[in-house]
Amino acid sequence: MSENTHDKLPIRMLHDRVLVRTDSPEGERRSGGGILIPATAAVGRRLAWAEVVAVGQNVRTVEIGDRVLYDPEDRAEVEVRGVAYVLMRERDLHAVAADRFQSTDSTGLYL
């Protein structure tokens, strides 16, 4: 499946809903040092990054293509054309990372 398949989803989000595609599948992952961590390893509460693929008309702070930080335990999954997505409300997002936040005259810190 091509990388831009999600650009033409046959779905329209309503109200303050955000549809995201997770960065990595559930299961095994690698640490920064390259150590393989099995899916069964117990970890504390961990937030996850995802890419926004659709937004409702009342969403004000995120746009399609932004990367957002969310809690994977508070999610509703949906499958569209064989691809798994996560559906959530805008207020359930913890942070937004986007190129539009970069500014040369800013003194604040951004993700």
Protein backbone atom coordinates (compact mmCIF):
# COMPACT_ATOMS: atom_id res chain seq x y z
CA MET A 1 0.00 0.00 0.00
CA SER A 2 1.43 3.41 -0.91
CA GLU A 3 2.47 5.94 1.70
CA ASN A 4 -0.13 8.47 0.49
CA THR A 5 -3.07 6.07 0.60
CA HIS A 6 -4.45 7.81 3.70
CA ASP A 7 -4.59 11.15 1.80
CA LYS A 8 -7.83 10.08 0.10
CA LEU A 9 -9.71 8.31 2.88
CA PRO A 10 -13.40 7.76 2.13
CA ILE A 11 -14.31 9.21 5.50
CA ARG A 12 -15.24 12.64 6.89
CA MET A 13 -14.59 13.31 10.55
CA LEU A 14 -17.27 15.08 12.57
CA HIS A 15 -17.09 17.72 15.31
CA ASP A 16 -13.86 17.57 17.35
CA ARG A 17 -12.75 14.11 16.22
CA VAL A 18 -9.22 13.38 15.03
CA LEU A 19 -8.17 10.28 13.07
CA VAL A 20 -4.51 9.29 13.38
CA ARG A 21 -2.21 6.58 12.05
CA THR A 22 0.23 5.26 14.62
CA ASP A 23 3.94 5.52 13.91
CA SER A 24 4.78 1.95 14.82
CA PRO A 25 2.75 -1.20 15.19
CA GLU A 26 2.00 -2.66 18.59
CA GLY A 27 4.37 -5.32 19.75
CA GLU A 28 8.11 -5.57 19.73
CA ARG A 29 10.16 -2.38 19.71
CA ARG A 30 13.81 -1.37 19.91
CA SER A 31 15.44 0.75 22.59
CA GLY A 32 17.71 3.68 21.71
CA GLY A 33 20.67 1.34 22.12
CA GLY A 34 19.23 -1.23 19.69
CA ILE A 35 18.00 -3.75 22.26
CA LEU A 36 14.87 -5.62 21.16
CA ILE A 37 12.07 -5.26 23.74
CA PRO A 38 9.34 -7.92 23.44
CA ALA A 39 5.67 -6.97 23.37
CA THR A 40 5.12 -8.83 26.65
CA ALA A 41 7.62 -6.67 28.59
CA ALA A 42 5.91 -4.63 31.29
CA VAL A 43 6.44 -0.89 30.96
CA GLY A 44 4.93 2.05 32.75
CA ARG A 45 2.33 4.20 31.15
CA ARG A 46 3.84 5.30 27.85
CA LEU A 47 2.48 7.88 25.43
CA ALA A 48 2.75 7.28 21.67
CA TRP A 49 3.22 9.40 18.55
CA ALA A 50 0.93 9.28 15.54
CA GLU A 51 0.29 11.18 12.32
CA VAL A 52 -3.01 13.04 11.83
CA VAL A 53 -4.80 11.85 8.68
CA ALA A 54 -8.24 13.47 9.12
CA VAL A 55 -9.86 16.12 11.34
CA GLY A 56 -13.40 17.22 12.08
CA GLN A 57 -14.69 20.73 11.30
CA ASN A 58 -14.43 21.87 14.94
CA VAL A 59 -10.78 20.86 15.43
CA ARG A 60 -8.72 24.01 16.00
CA THR A 61 -5.17 23.06 17.00
CA VAL A 62 -4.10 20.23 14.70
CA GLU A 63 -3.95 19.83 10.95
CA ILE A 64 -3.58 16.86 8.63
CA GLY A 65 0.06 15.79 8.57
CA ASP A 66 0.85 16.93 12.15
CA ARG A 67 2.42 14.49 14.60
CA VAL A 68 0.53 14.21 17.86
CA LEU A 69 1.24 12.63 21.23
CA TYR A 70 -1.59 10.58 22.75
CA ASP A 71 -2.26 7.91 25.36
CA PRO A 72 -2.62 4.52 23.64
CA GLU A 73 -4.78 3.23 26.49
CA ASP A 74 -7.49 5.84 25.76
CA ARG A 75 -8.26 5.04 22.16
CA ALA A 76 -10.82 3.64 19.78
CA GLU A 77 -9.47 1.77 16.76
CA VAL A 78 -11.04 1.63 13.33
CA GLU A 79 -9.96 -0.11 10.14
CA VAL A 80 -10.41 1.64 6.78
CA ARG A 81 -9.33 -0.14 3.59
CA GLY A 82 -7.29 -2.63 5.60
CA VAL A 83 -5.31 0.01 7.51
CA ALA A 84 -5.76 0.44 11.27
CA TYR A 85 -6.33 3.99 12.56
CA VAL A 86 -7.02 5.46 15.99
CA LEU A 87 -10.02 7.74 16.54
CA MET A 88 -10.04 10.27 19.38
CA ARG A 89 -11.24 13.68 20.45
CA GLU A 90 -8.97 16.67 20.05
CA ARG A 91 -8.95 17.22 23.82
CA ASP A 92 -7.41 13.74 24.31
CA LEU A 93 -4.20 14.80 22.53
CA HIS A 94 -1.28 15.72 24.78
CA ALA A 95 1.00 17.57 22.32
CA VAL A 96 1.38 18.55 18.67
CA ALA A 97 4.63 18.60 16.69
CA ALA A 98 4.54 20.42 13.35
CA ASP A 99 6.90 22.38 11.12
CA ARG A 100 4.64 25.44 11.35
CA PHE A 101 5.65 25.85 15.02
CA GLN A 102 9.30 26.54 14.13
CA SER A 103 10.13 30.20 14.45
CA THR A 104 13.47 31.99 14.60
CA ASP A 105 12.30 34.73 16.98
CA SER A 106 10.66 32.43 19.52
CA THR A 107 12.15 31.78 22.95
CA GLY A 108 9.78 28.97 23.93
CA LEU A 109 10.44 25.25 23.72
CA TYR A 110 8.42 23.07 21.38
CA LEU A 111 8.28 19.34 20.78
